[in-house]
Every structure is written in structure tokens, then in C-alpha cells.
């Protein structure tokens, strides 16, 4: 099951996909991009018009995996647990990357990862 974690991009605690869930989600996101391109070409519409219909399967899968409805494929792509670092020892929010040396949320310095 997805783990709740603070997303620095969204500025809220959201469900993050673990690697097993990501293995299911990644192909759905790739397929959504293909469908969006096809939909836009066939219907001569912009991205925002194509997204709801062409991204539906990916949005539905994310909701089944996490219990939360998302409307942005980009947000789903960055809601992957492996992209984030450990929690900051000072504020508890995750470091932005596994290799981060500084907490962007509070400015606390961290030892570089080994």
C-alpha cells in the first residue's frame, strides 16, 4: 500500500508509490502519453482537453493503488517513494532526493549519503 509522505512539489502529505506499485503505474503512464498524443491529433485539441479521457486508465490505477484521485500525470510521476530521501532529523520532512545534503524545507544540513 502507498505510504503517505510530504511532497515538496505539492506542499502536502500525499500517498507515494512503492516500487511494486510503480512497476504497475509506469506502463500505465507511458500508455497515457501515447493515448494523449493520439487523441490530440485525432480531435485537434489541446492537452487539457485530451487529458481527462486519454489519461483515465492511469488516473484510475493511481486511485486504486492509493485511494486518492489525481488529475495530473506529472504529479503521479513524482509521487514515487524512491525519488525522495530519508526524513530530515530536524523537521521530519523527506529530503528532496536520496542524495540530498540539505533539507530544503528547514535548511538543516545532513551528512552526505554513503
PDB file of N, CA and C in Angstrom:
ATOM      1  N   UNK A   1       0.847  -1.195   0.000  1.00  0.00           N
ATOM      2  CA  UNK A   1       0.000   0.000   0.000  1.00  0.00           C
ATOM      3  C   UNK A   1       0.877   1.238   0.000  1.00  0.00           C
ATOM      4  N   UNK A   2       0.443   2.245  -0.685  1.00  0.00           N
ATOM      5  CA  UNK A   2       1.181   3.500  -0.788  1.00  0.00           C
ATOM      6  C   UNK A   2       1.425   4.090   0.602  1.00  0.00           C
ATOM      7  N   UNK A   3       2.575   4.727   0.747  1.00  0.00           N
ATOM      8  CA  UNK A   3       2.953   5.341   2.022  1.00  0.00           C
ATOM      9  C   UNK A   3       2.735   6.849   1.929  1.00  0.00           C
ATOM     10  N   UNK A   4       2.108   7.422   2.950  1.00  0.00           N
ATOM     11  CA  UNK A   4       1.886   8.865   2.990  1.00  0.00           C
ATOM     12  C   UNK A   4       3.194   9.575   3.305  1.00  0.00           C
ATOM     13  N   UNK A   5       3.513  10.574   2.507  1.00  0.00           N
ATOM     14  CA  UNK A   5       4.765  11.305   2.658  1.00  0.00           C
ATOM     15  C   UNK A   5       4.554  12.731   2.162  1.00  0.00           C
ATOM     16  N   UNK A   6       5.270  13.664   2.747  1.00  0.00           N
ATOM     17  CA  UNK A   6       5.191  15.054   2.327  1.00  0.00           C
ATOM     18  C   UNK A   6       5.808  15.199   0.937  1.00  0.00           C
ATOM     19  N   UNK A   7       5.064  15.793   0.014  1.00  0.00           N
ATOM     20  CA  UNK A   7       5.561  16.078  -1.333  1.00  0.00           C
ATOM     21  C   UNK A   7       5.934  17.553  -1.384  1.00  0.00           C
ATOM     22  N   UNK A   8       7.190  17.843  -1.615  1.00  0.00           N
ATOM     23  CA  UNK A   8       7.634  19.237  -1.620  1.00  0.00           C
ATOM     24  C   UNK A   8       7.101  19.995  -2.832  1.00  0.00           C
ATOM     25  N   UNK A   9       6.790  19.286  -3.911  1.00  0.00           N
ATOM     26  CA  UNK A   9       6.223  19.975  -5.072  1.00  0.00           C
ATOM     27  C   UNK A   9       4.773  20.391  -4.819  1.00  0.00           C
ATOM     28  N   UNK A  10       3.999  19.471  -4.241  1.00  0.00           N
ATOM     29  CA  UNK A  10       2.572  19.720  -3.986  1.00  0.00           C
ATOM     30  C   UNK A  10       2.338  20.434  -2.653  1.00  0.00           C
ATOM     31  N   UNK A  11       3.345  20.414  -1.793  1.00  0.00           N
ATOM     32  CA  UNK A  11       3.296  21.048  -0.468  1.00  0.00           C
ATOM     33  C   UNK A  11       2.198  20.464   0.425  1.00  0.00           C
ATOM     34  N   UNK A  12       2.064  19.127   0.357  1.00  0.00           N
ATOM     35  CA  UNK A  12       1.139  18.437   1.247  1.00  0.00           C
ATOM     36  C   UNK A  12       1.535  16.966   1.352  1.00  0.00           C
ATOM     37  N   UNK A  13       0.988  16.311   2.353  1.00  0.00           N
ATOM     38  CA  UNK A  13       1.236  14.882   2.538  1.00  0.00           C
ATOM     39  C   UNK A  13       0.327  14.120   1.579  1.00  0.00           C
ATOM     40  N   UNK A  14       0.943  13.258   0.778  1.00  0.00           N
ATOM     41  CA  UNK A  14       0.226  12.509  -0.250  1.00  0.00           C
ATOM     42  C   UNK A  14       0.700  11.062  -0.269  1.00  0.00           C
ATOM     43  N   UNK A  15      -0.079  10.166  -0.843  1.00  0.00           N
ATOM     44  CA  UNK A  15       0.371   8.781  -0.958  1.00  0.00           C
ATOM     45  C   UNK A  15       1.459   8.655  -2.025  1.00  0.00           C
ATOM     46  N   UNK A  16       2.556   8.019  -1.653  1.00  0.00           N
ATOM     47  CA  UNK A  16       3.667   7.783  -2.571  1.00  0.00           C
ATOM     48  C   UNK A  16       3.699   6.308  -2.941  1.00  0.00           C
ATOM     49  N   UNK A  17       3.979   6.035  -4.196  1.00  0.00           N
ATOM     50  CA  UNK A  17       4.002   4.666  -4.681  1.00  0.00           C
ATOM     51  C   UNK A  17       5.318   3.985  -4.338  1.00  0.00           C
ATOM     52  N   UNK A  18       5.230   2.750  -3.818  1.00  0.00           N
ATOM     53  CA  UNK A  18       6.454   1.977  -3.599  1.00  0.00           C
ATOM     54  C   UNK A  18       6.866   1.351  -4.944  1.00  0.00           C
ATOM     55  N   UNK A  19       7.955   0.625  -4.980  1.00  0.00           N
ATOM     56  CA  UNK A  19       8.469   0.113  -6.254  1.00  0.00           C
ATOM     57  C   UNK A  19       7.566  -0.950  -6.877  1.00  0.00           C
ATOM     58  N   UNK A  20       6.886  -1.751  -6.073  1.00  0.00           N
ATOM     59  CA  UNK A  20       5.939  -2.718  -6.630  1.00  0.00           C
ATOM     60  C   UNK A  20       4.770  -1.999  -7.300  1.00  0.00           C
ATOM     61  N   UNK A  21       4.272  -0.971  -6.644  1.00  0.00           N
ATOM     62  CA  UNK A  21       3.183  -0.182  -7.224  1.00  0.00           C
ATOM     63  C   UNK A  21       3.669   0.579  -8.452  1.00  0.00           C
ATOM     64  N   UNK A  22       4.900   1.086  -8.388  1.00  0.00           N
ATOM     65  CA  UNK A  22       5.454   1.827  -9.517  1.00  0.00           C
ATOM     66  C   UNK A  22       5.591   0.924 -10.742  1.00  0.00           C
ATOM     67  N   UNK A  23       5.897  -0.353 -10.518  1.00  0.00           N
ATOM     68  CA  UNK A  23       6.021  -1.299 -11.629  1.00  0.00           C
ATOM     69  C   UNK A  23       4.694  -1.435 -12.383  1.00  0.00           C
ATOM     70  N   UNK A  24       3.594  -1.244 -11.715  1.00  0.00           N
ATOM     71  CA  UNK A  24       2.279  -1.252 -12.356  1.00  0.00           C
ATOM     72  C   UNK A  24       1.958   0.110 -12.977  1.00  0.00           C
ATOM     73  N   UNK A  25       2.368   1.167 -12.294  1.00  0.00           N
ATOM     74  CA  UNK A  25       1.993   2.521 -12.695  1.00  0.00           C
ATOM     75  C   UNK A  25       2.779   3.013 -13.903  1.00  0.00           C
ATOM     76  N   UNK A  26       4.053   2.730 -13.980  1.00  0.00           N
ATOM     77  CA  UNK A  26       4.904   3.263 -15.054  1.00  0.00           C
ATOM     78  C   UNK A  26       4.378   2.916 -16.448  1.00  0.00           C
ATOM     79  N   UNK A  27       4.022   1.653 -16.731  1.00  0.00           N
ATOM     80  CA  UNK A  27       3.482   1.362 -18.061  1.00  0.00           C
ATOM     81  C   UNK A  27       2.157   2.085 -18.329  1.00  0.00           C
ATOM     82  N   UNK A  28       1.340   2.252 -17.313  1.00  0.00           N
ATOM     83  CA  UNK A  28       0.067   2.968 -17.485  1.00  0.00           C
ATOM     84  C   UNK A  28       0.317   4.430 -17.833  1.00  0.00           C
ATOM     85  N   UNK A  29       1.333   5.037 -17.220  1.00  0.00           N
ATOM     86  CA  UNK A  29       1.670   6.431 -17.546  1.00  0.00           C
ATOM     87  C   UNK A  29       2.211   6.543 -18.966  1.00  0.00           C
ATOM     88  N   UNK A  30       3.064   5.599 -19.343  1.00  0.00           N
ATOM     89  CA  UNK A  30       3.602   5.615 -20.708  1.00  0.00           C
ATOM     90  C   UNK A  30       2.484   5.470 -21.739  1.00  0.00           C
ATOM     91  N   UNK A  31       1.545   4.570 -21.464  1.00  0.00           N
ATOM     92  CA  UNK A  31       0.412   4.371 -22.366  1.00  0.00           C
ATOM     93  C   UNK A  31      -0.462   5.626 -22.412  1.00  0.00           C
ATOM     94  N   UNK A  32      -0.623   6.295 -21.294  1.00  0.00           N
ATOM     95  CA  UNK A  32      -1.422   7.527 -21.262  1.00  0.00           C
ATOM     96  C   UNK A  32      -0.821   8.587 -22.181  1.00  0.00           C
ATOM     97  N   UNK A  33       0.485   8.699 -22.194  1.00  0.00           N
ATOM     98  CA  UNK A  33       1.148   9.678 -23.068  1.00  0.00           C
ATOM     99  C   UNK A  33       0.867   9.357 -24.530  1.00  0.00           C
ATOM    100  N   UNK A  34       0.950   8.081 -24.883  1.00  0.00           N
ATOM    101  CA  UNK A  34       0.657   7.659 -26.259  1.00  0.00           C
ATOM    102  C   UNK A  34      -0.792   7.995 -26.604  1.00  0.00           C
ATOM    103  N   UNK A  35      -1.706   7.697 -25.694  1.00  0.00           N
ATOM    104  CA  UNK A  35      -3.130   7.968 -25.938  1.00  0.00           C
ATOM    105  C   UNK A  35      -3.403   9.466 -26.058  1.00  0.00           C
ATOM    106  N   UNK A  36      -2.753  10.253 -25.234  1.00  0.00           N
ATOM    107  CA  UNK A  36      -2.942  11.707 -25.293  1.00  0.00           C
ATOM    108  C   UNK A  36      -2.490  12.249 -26.635  1.00  0.00           C
ATOM    109  N   UNK A  37      -1.327  11.819 -27.096  1.00  0.00           N
ATOM    110  CA  UNK A  37      -0.834  12.280 -28.402  1.00  0.00           C
ATOM    111  C   UNK A  37      -1.807  11.893 -29.515  1.00  0.00           C
ATOM    112  N   UNK A  38      -2.284  10.656 -29.467  1.00  0.00           N
ATOM    113  CA  UNK A  38      -3.212  10.178 -30.479  1.00  0.00           C
ATOM    114  C   UNK A  38      -4.533  10.964 -30.424  1.00  0.00           C
ATOM    115  N   UNK A  39      -5.043  11.155 -29.225  1.00  0.00           N
ATOM    116  CA  UNK A  39      -6.309  11.877 -29.042  1.00  0.00           C
ATOM    117  C   UNK A  39      -6.198  13.312 -29.560  1.00  0.00           C
ATOM    118  N   UNK A  40      -5.092  13.970 -29.219  1.00  0.00           N
ATOM    119  CA  UNK A  40      -4.903  15.352 -29.663  1.00  0.00           C
ATOM    120  C   UNK A  40      -4.847  15.444 -31.177  1.00  0.00           C
ATOM    121  N   UNK A  41      -4.160  14.488 -31.787  1.00  0.00           N
ATOM    122  CA  UNK A  41      -4.039  14.502 -33.237  1.00  0.00           C
ATOM    123  C   UNK A  41      -5.386  14.223 -33.906  1.00  0.00           C
ATOM    124  N   UNK A  42      -6.117  13.235 -33.390  1.00  0.00           N
ATOM    125  CA  UNK A  42      -7.401  12.872 -33.989  1.00  0.00           C
ATOM    126  C   UNK A  42      -8.462  13.952 -33.805  1.00  0.00           C
ATOM    127  N   UNK A  43      -8.460  14.615 -32.664  1.00  0.00           N
ATOM    128  CA  UNK A  43      -9.512  15.583 -32.354  1.00  0.00           C
ATOM    129  C   UNK A  43      -9.074  17.039 -32.481  1.00  0.00           C
ATOM    130  N   UNK A  44      -7.795  17.258 -32.781  1.00  0.00           N
ATOM    131  CA  UNK A  44      -7.266  18.613 -32.936  1.00  0.00           C
ATOM    132  C   UNK A  44      -7.591  19.483 -31.715  1.00  0.00           C
ATOM    133  N   UNK A  45      -7.240  18.971 -30.540  1.00  0.00           N
ATOM    134  CA  UNK A  45      -7.493  19.691 -29.292  1.00  0.00           C
ATOM    135  C   UNK A  45      -6.181  19.849 -28.524  1.00  0.00           C
ATOM    136  N   UNK A  46      -6.209  20.706 -27.525  1.00  0.00           N
ATOM    137  CA  UNK A  46      -5.053  20.934 -26.682  1.00  0.00           C
ATOM    138  C   UNK A  46      -4.903  19.850 -25.619  1.00  0.00           C
ATOM    139  N   UNK A  47      -3.837  19.954 -24.891  1.00  0.00           N
ATOM    140  CA  UNK A  47      -3.514  18.975 -23.864  1.00  0.00           C
ATOM    141  C   UNK A  47      -4.602  18.862 -22.802  1.00  0.00           C
ATOM    142  N   UNK A  48      -5.107  19.985 -22.343  1.00  0.00           N
ATOM    143  CA  UNK A  48      -6.106  19.961 -21.268  1.00  0.00           C
ATOM    144  C   UNK A  48      -7.402  19.282 -21.709  1.00  0.00           C
ATOM    145  N   UNK A  49      -7.727  19.376 -22.970  1.00  0.00           N
ATOM    146  CA  UNK A  49      -8.932  18.715 -23.474  1.00  0.00           C
ATOM    147  C   UNK A  49      -8.722  17.208 -23.606  1.00  0.00           C
ATOM    148  N   UNK A  50      -7.513  16.802 -23.920  1.00  0.00           N
ATOM    149  CA  UNK A  50      -7.217  15.378 -24.130  1.00  0.00           C
ATOM    150  C   UNK A  50      -6.965  14.625 -22.837  1.00  0.00           C
ATOM    151  N   UNK A  51      -6.480  15.305 -21.833  1.00  0.00           N
ATOM    152  CA  UNK A  51      -6.032  14.648 -20.603  1.00  0.00           C
ATOM    153  C   UNK A  51      -7.091  13.813 -19.889  1.00  0.00           C
ATOM    154  N   UNK A  52      -8.287  14.322 -19.636  1.00  0.00           N
ATOM    155  CA  UNK A  52      -9.260  13.514 -18.877  1.00  0.00           C
ATOM    156  C   UNK A  52      -9.576  12.166 -19.527  1.00  0.00           C
ATOM    157  N   UNK A  53      -9.829  12.154 -20.820  1.00  0.00           N
ATOM    158  CA  UNK A  53     -10.199  10.907 -21.493  1.00  0.00           C
ATOM    159  C   UNK A  53      -8.991  10.001 -21.713  1.00  0.00           C
ATOM    160  N   UNK A  54      -7.907  10.553 -22.220  1.00  0.00           N
ATOM    161  CA  UNK A  54      -6.751   9.740 -22.571  1.00  0.00           C
ATOM    162  C   UNK A  54      -5.956   9.278 -21.344  1.00  0.00           C
ATOM    163  N   UNK A  55      -6.051  10.008 -20.258  1.00  0.00           N
ATOM    164  CA  UNK A  55      -5.314   9.631 -19.045  1.00  0.00           C
ATOM    165  C   UNK A  55      -6.145   8.852 -18.042  1.00  0.00           C
ATOM    166  N   UNK A  56      -7.383   8.553 -18.386  1.00  0.00           N
ATOM    167  CA  UNK A  56      -8.320   7.933 -17.452  1.00  0.00           C
ATOM    168  C   UNK A  56      -7.789   6.638 -16.832  1.00  0.00           C
ATOM    169  N   UNK A  57      -7.232   5.746 -17.638  1.00  0.00           N
ATOM    170  CA  UNK A  57      -6.754   4.467 -17.102  1.00  0.00           C
ATOM    171  C   UNK A  57      -5.653   4.680 -16.069  1.00  0.00           C
ATOM    172  N   UNK A  58      -4.743   5.592 -16.328  1.00  0.00           N
ATOM    173  CA  UNK A  58      -3.662   5.876 -15.382  1.00  0.00           C
ATOM    174  C   UNK A  58      -4.215   6.506 -14.109  1.00  0.00           C
ATOM    175  N   UNK A  59      -5.150   7.429 -14.255  1.00  0.00           N
ATOM    176  CA  UNK A  59      -5.762   8.050 -13.075  1.00  0.00           C
ATOM    177  C   UNK A  59      -6.525   7.023 -12.244  1.00  0.00           C
ATOM    178  N   UNK A  60      -7.240   6.133 -12.926  1.00  0.00           N
ATOM    179  CA  UNK A  60      -7.989   5.089 -12.217  1.00  0.00           C
ATOM    180  C   UNK A  60      -7.049   4.143 -11.473  1.00  0.00           C
ATOM    181  N   UNK A  61      -5.945   3.754 -12.097  1.00  0.00           N
ATOM    182  CA  UNK A  61      -4.991   2.867 -11.442  1.00  0.00           C
ATOM    183  C   UNK A  61      -4.377   3.540 -10.221  1.00  0.00           C
ATOM    184  N   UNK A  62      -3.992   4.792 -10.347  1.00  0.00           N
ATOM    185  CA  UNK A  62      -3.420   5.510  -9.206  1.00  0.00           C
ATOM    186  C   UNK A  62      -4.416   5.556  -8.053  1.00  0.00           C
ATOM    187  N   UNK A  63      -5.679   5.776  -8.372  1.00  0.00           N
ATOM    188  CA  UNK A  63      -6.693   5.813  -7.323  1.00  0.00           C
ATOM    189  C   UNK A  63      -6.868   4.435  -6.665  1.00  0.00           C
ATOM    190  N   UNK A  64      -6.827   3.373  -7.458  1.00  0.00           N
ATOM    191  CA  UNK A  64      -6.930   2.024  -6.882  1.00  0.00           C
ATOM    192  C   UNK A  64      -5.743   1.718  -5.979  1.00  0.00           C
ATOM    193  N   UNK A  65      -4.562   2.165  -6.372  1.00  0.00           N
ATOM    194  CA  UNK A  65      -3.347   1.883  -5.592  1.00  0.00           C
ATOM    195  C   UNK A  65      -3.240   2.730  -4.329  1.00  0.00           C
ATOM    196  N   UNK A  66      -3.748   3.960  -4.385  1.00  0.00           N
ATOM    197  CA  UNK A  66      -3.516   4.900  -3.283  1.00  0.00           C
ATOM    198  C   UNK A  66      -4.769   5.337  -2.536  1.00  0.00           C
ATOM    199  N   UNK A  67      -5.921   5.207  -3.169  1.00  0.00           N
ATOM    200  CA  UNK A  67      -7.144   5.711  -2.560  1.00  0.00           C
ATOM    201  C   UNK A  67      -7.374   7.189  -2.808  1.00  0.00           C
ATOM    202  N   UNK A  68      -6.525   7.812  -3.600  1.00  0.00           N
ATOM    203  CA  UNK A  68      -6.640   9.256  -3.882  1.00  0.00           C
ATOM    204  C   UNK A  68      -6.766   9.475  -5.383  1.00  0.00           C
ATOM    205  N   UNK A  69      -7.677  10.319  -5.773  1.00  0.00           N
ATOM    206  CA  UNK A  69      -7.863  10.657  -7.189  1.00  0.00           C
ATOM    207  C   UNK A  69      -6.881  11.753  -7.554  1.00  0.00           C
ATOM    208  N   UNK A  70      -6.182  11.571  -8.638  1.00  0.00           N
ATOM    209  CA  UNK A  70      -5.227  12.563  -9.132  1.00  0.00           C
ATOM    210  C   UNK A  70      -5.661  12.970 -10.526  1.00  0.00           C
ATOM    211  N   UNK A  71      -5.364  14.199 -10.916  1.00  0.00           N
ATOM    212  CA  UNK A  71      -5.745  14.692 -12.241  1.00  0.00           C
ATOM    213  C   UNK A  71      -4.539  15.153 -13.054  1.00  0.00           C
ATOM    214  N   UNK A  72      -3.347  14.892 -12.548  1.00  0.00           N
ATOM    215  CA  UNK A  72      -2.121  15.289 -13.242  1.00  0.00           C
ATOM    216  C   UNK A  72      -1.190  14.088 -13.383  1.00  0.00           C
ATOM    217  N   UNK A  73      -0.851  13.759 -14.627  1.00  0.00           N
ATOM    218  CA  UNK A  73       0.094  12.662 -14.846  1.00  0.00           C
ATOM    219  C   UNK A  73       1.472  13.024 -14.299  1.00  0.00           C
ATOM    220  N   UNK A  74       1.842  14.287 -14.390  1.00  0.00           N
ATOM    221  CA  UNK A  74       3.133  14.727 -13.860  1.00  0.00           C
ATOM    222  C   UNK A  74       3.198  14.523 -12.347  1.00  0.00           C
ATOM    223  N   UNK A  75       2.110  14.804 -11.657  1.00  0.00           N
ATOM    224  CA  UNK A  75       2.079  14.597 -10.206  1.00  0.00           C
ATOM    225  C   UNK A  75       2.252  13.122  -9.881  1.00  0.00           C
ATOM    226  N   UNK A  76       1.577  12.260 -10.625  1.00  0.00           N
ATOM    227  CA  UNK A  76       1.729  10.822 -10.386  1.00  0.00           C
ATOM    228  C   UNK A  76       3.176  10.415 -10.583  1.00  0.00           C
ATOM    229  N   UNK A  77       3.824  10.940 -11.600  1.00  0.00           N
ATOM    230  CA  UNK A  77       5.229  10.580 -11.865  1.00  0.00           C
ATOM    231  C   UNK A  77       6.147  10.948 -10.697  1.00  0.00           C
ATOM    232  N   UNK A  78       5.868  12.024 -10.006  1.00  0.00           N
ATOM    233  CA  UNK A  78       6.759  12.380  -8.900  1.00  0.00           C
ATOM    234  C   UNK A  78       6.244  11.902  -7.545  1.00  0.00           C
ATOM    235  N   UNK A  79       5.160  11.156  -7.524  1.00  0.00           N
ATOM    236  CA  UNK A  79       4.683  10.560  -6.276  1.00  0.00           C
ATOM    237  C   UNK A  79       5.188   9.125  -6.167  1.00  0.00           C
ATOM    238  N   UNK A  80       6.499   8.998  -6.302  1.00  0.00           N
ATOM    239  CA  UNK A  80       7.206   7.713  -6.235  1.00  0.00           C
ATOM    240  C   UNK A  80       8.168   7.780  -5.055  1.00  0.00           C
ATOM    241  N   UNK A  81       7.987   6.887  -4.131  1.00  0.00           N
ATOM    242  CA  UNK A  81       8.742   6.891  -2.881  1.00  0.00           C
ATOM    243  C   UNK A  81      10.256   6.889  -3.108  1.00  0.00           C
ATOM    244  N   UNK A  82      10.722   6.165  -4.102  1.00  0.00           N
ATOM    245  CA  UNK A  82      12.164   6.040  -4.350  1.00  0.00           C
ATOM    246  C   UNK A  82      12.821   7.355  -4.763  1.00  0.00           C
ATOM    247  N   UNK A  83      12.040   8.337  -5.181  1.00  0.00           N
ATOM    248  CA  UNK A  83      12.609   9.614  -5.592  1.00  0.00           C
ATOM    249  C   UNK A  83      12.990  10.499  -4.412  1.00  0.00           C
ATOM    250  N   UNK A  84      12.459  10.193  -3.227  1.00  0.00           N
ATOM    251  CA  UNK A  84      12.660  11.025  -2.049  1.00  0.00           C
ATOM    252  C   UNK A  84      13.735  10.452  -1.148  1.00  0.00           C
ATOM    253  N   UNK A  85      14.338  11.322  -0.358  1.00  0.00           N
ATOM    254  CA  UNK A  85      15.363  10.909   0.583  1.00  0.00           C
ATOM    255  C   UNK A  85      14.776  10.556   1.940  1.00  0.00           C
ATOM    256  N   UNK A  86      15.649  10.307   2.889  1.00  0.00           N
ATOM    257  CA  UNK A  86      15.191   9.987   4.243  1.00  0.00           C
ATOM    258  C   UNK A  86      14.587  11.219   4.913  1.00  0.00           C
ATOM    259  N   UNK A  87      13.882  11.020   6.010  1.00  0.00           N
ATOM    260  CA  UNK A  87      13.324  12.180   6.709  1.00  0.00           C
ATOM    261  C   UNK A  87      14.422  13.035   7.330  1.00  0.00           C
ATOM    262  N   UNK A  88      14.204  14.315   7.334  1.00  0.00           N
ATOM    263  CA  UNK A  88      15.124  15.254   7.955  1.00  0.00           C
ATOM    264  C   UNK A  88      15.116  15.005   9.469  1.00  0.00           C
ATOM    265  N   UNK A  89      16.288  14.976  10.057  1.00  0.00           N
ATOM    266  CA  UNK A  89      16.394  14.756  11.506  1.00  0.00           C
ATOM    267  C   UNK A  89      15.842  15.949  12.290  1.00  0.00           C
ATOM    268  N   UNK A  90      15.758  17.102  11.659  1.00  0.00           N
ATOM    269  CA  UNK A  90      15.296  18.305  12.341  1.00  0.00           C
ATOM    270  C   UNK A  90      13.787  18.516  12.209  1.00  0.00           C
ATOM    271  N   UNK A  91      13.254  18.473  10.962  1.00  0.00           N
ATOM    272  CA  UNK A  91      11.831  18.786  10.761  1.00  0.00           C
ATOM    273  C   UNK A  91      10.974  17.575  10.404  1.00  0.00           C
ATOM    274  N   UNK A  92      11.601  16.483  10.018  1.00  0.00           N
ATOM    275  CA  UNK A  92      10.858  15.268   9.700  1.00  0.00           C
ATOM    276  C   UNK A  92      10.369  15.155   8.275  1.00  0.00           C
ATOM    277  N   UNK A  93      10.456  16.228   7.499  1.00  0.00           N
ATOM    278  CA  UNK A  93      10.036  16.147   6.108  1.00  0.00           C
ATOM    279  C   UNK A  93      11.110  15.414   5.310  1.00  0.00           C
ATOM    280  N   UNK A  94      10.717  14.720   4.248  1.00  0.00           N
ATOM    281  CA  UNK A  94      11.727  13.982   3.486  1.00  0.00           C
ATOM    282  C   UNK A  94      12.664  14.930   2.741  1.00  0.00           C
ATOM    283  N   UNK A  95      13.913  14.512   2.639  1.00  0.00           N
ATOM    284  CA  UNK A  95      14.846  15.254   1.795  1.00  0.00           C
ATOM    285  C   UNK A  95      14.368  15.107   0.359  1.00  0.00           C
ATOM    286  N   UNK A  96      14.681  16.061  -0.481  1.00  0.00           N
ATOM    287  CA  UNK A  96      14.137  16.072  -1.838  1.00  0.00           C
ATOM    288  C   UNK A  96      14.637  14.918  -2.698  1.00  0.00           C
ATOM    289  N   UNK A  97      15.824  14.422  -2.410  1.00  0.00           N
ATOM    290  CA  UNK A  97      16.362  13.283  -3.152  1.00  0.00           C
ATOM    291  C   UNK A  97      17.089  12.367  -2.179  1.00  0.00           C
ATOM    292  N   UNK A  98      17.338  11.125  -2.572  1.00  0.00           N
ATOM    293  CA  UNK A  98      18.099  10.231  -1.706  1.00  0.00           C
ATOM    294  C   UNK A  98      19.534  10.715  -1.443  1.00  0.00           C
ATOM    295  N   UNK A  99      20.073  11.576  -2.309  1.00  0.00           N
ATOM    296  CA  UNK A  99      21.454  12.060  -2.160  1.00  0.00           C
ATOM    297  C   UNK A  99      21.550  13.474  -1.575  1.00  0.00           C
ATOM    298  N   UNK A 100      20.435  14.050  -1.188  1.00  0.00           N
ATOM    299  CA  UNK A 100      20.420  15.432  -0.689  1.00  0.00           C
ATOM    300  C   UNK A 100      21.272  15.587   0.563  1.00  0.00           C
ATOM    301  N   UNK A 101      21.953  16.725   0.660  1.00  0.00           N
ATOM    302  CA  UNK A 101      22.795  17.046   1.810  1.00  0.00           C
ATOM    303  C   UNK A 101      22.190  18.162   2.652  1.00  0.00           C
ATOM    304  N   UNK A 102      21.085  18.715   2.168  1.00  0.00           N
ATOM    305  CA  UNK A 102      20.443  19.845   2.828  1.00  0.00           C
ATOM    306  C   UNK A 102      18.931  19.667   2.737  1.00  0.00           C
ATOM    307  N   UNK A 103      18.252  19.889   3.838  1.00  0.00           N
ATOM    308  CA  UNK A 103      16.792  19.832   3.836  1.00  0.00           C
ATOM    309  C   UNK A 103      16.271  21.143   3.253  1.00  0.00           C
ATOM    310  N   UNK A 104      15.546  21.039   2.149  1.00  0.00           N
ATOM    311  CA  UNK A 104      15.008  22.245   1.507  1.00  0.00           C
ATOM    312  C   UNK A 104      13.890  22.865   2.343  1.00  0.00           C
ATOM    313  N   UNK A 105      13.239  22.070   3.178  1.00  0.00           N
ATOM    314  CA  UNK A 105      12.127  22.585   3.973  1.00  0.00           C
ATOM    315  C   UNK A 105      12.589  23.461   5.123  1.00  0.00           C
ATOM    316  N   UNK A 106      13.662  23.043   5.823  1.00  0.00           N
ATOM    317  CA  UNK A 106      14.083  23.792   7.014  1.00  0.00           C
ATOM    318  C   UNK A 106      15.531  24.285   6.957  1.00  0.00           C
ATOM    319  N   UNK A 107      16.283  23.836   5.953  1.00  0.00           N
ATOM    320  CA  UNK A 107      17.660  24.300   5.803  1.00  0.00           C
ATOM    321  C   UNK A 107      18.694  23.502   6.595  1.00  0.00           C
ATOM    322  N   UNK A 108      18.280  22.479   7.299  1.00  0.00           N
ATOM    323  CA  UNK A 108      19.210  21.670   8.102  1.00  0.00           C
ATOM    324  C   UNK A 108      20.176  20.904   7.193  1.00  0.00           C
ATOM    325  N   UNK A 109      21.461  20.986   7.520  1.00  0.00           N
ATOM    326  CA  UNK A 109      22.475  20.238   6.772  1.00  0.00           C
ATOM    327  C   UNK A 109      22.471  18.788   7.231  1.00  0.00           C
ATOM    328  N   UNK A 110      22.761  17.884   6.306  1.00  0.00           N
ATOM    329  CA  UNK A 110      22.819  16.453   6.572  1.00  0.00           C
ATOM    330  C   UNK A 110      24.118  15.895   6.045  1.00  0.00           C
ATOM    331  N   UNK A 111      24.591  14.857   6.670  1.00  0.00           N
ATOM    332  CA  UNK A 111      25.801  14.193   6.200  1.00  0.00           C
ATOM    333  C   UNK A 111      25.513  13.597   4.832  1.00  0.00           C
ATOM    334  N   UNK A 112      26.494  13.646   3.931  1.00  0.00           N
ATOM    335  CA  UNK A 112      26.270  13.068   2.607  1.00  0.00           C
ATOM    336  C   UNK A 112      26.028  11.559   2.721  1.00  0.00           C
ATOM    337  N   UNK A 113      25.169  11.018   1.869  1.00  0.00           N
ATOM    338  CA  UNK A 113      24.897   9.581   1.912  1.00  0.00           C
ATOM    339  C   UNK A 113      26.147   8.781   1.572  1.00  0.00           C
ATOM    340  N   UNK A 114      26.269   7.626   2.172  1.00  0.00           N
ATOM    341  CA  UNK A 114      27.432   6.766   1.944  1.00  0.00           C
ATOM    342  C   UNK A 114      27.257   5.949   0.699  1.00  0.00           C
TER     343      UNK A 114
END
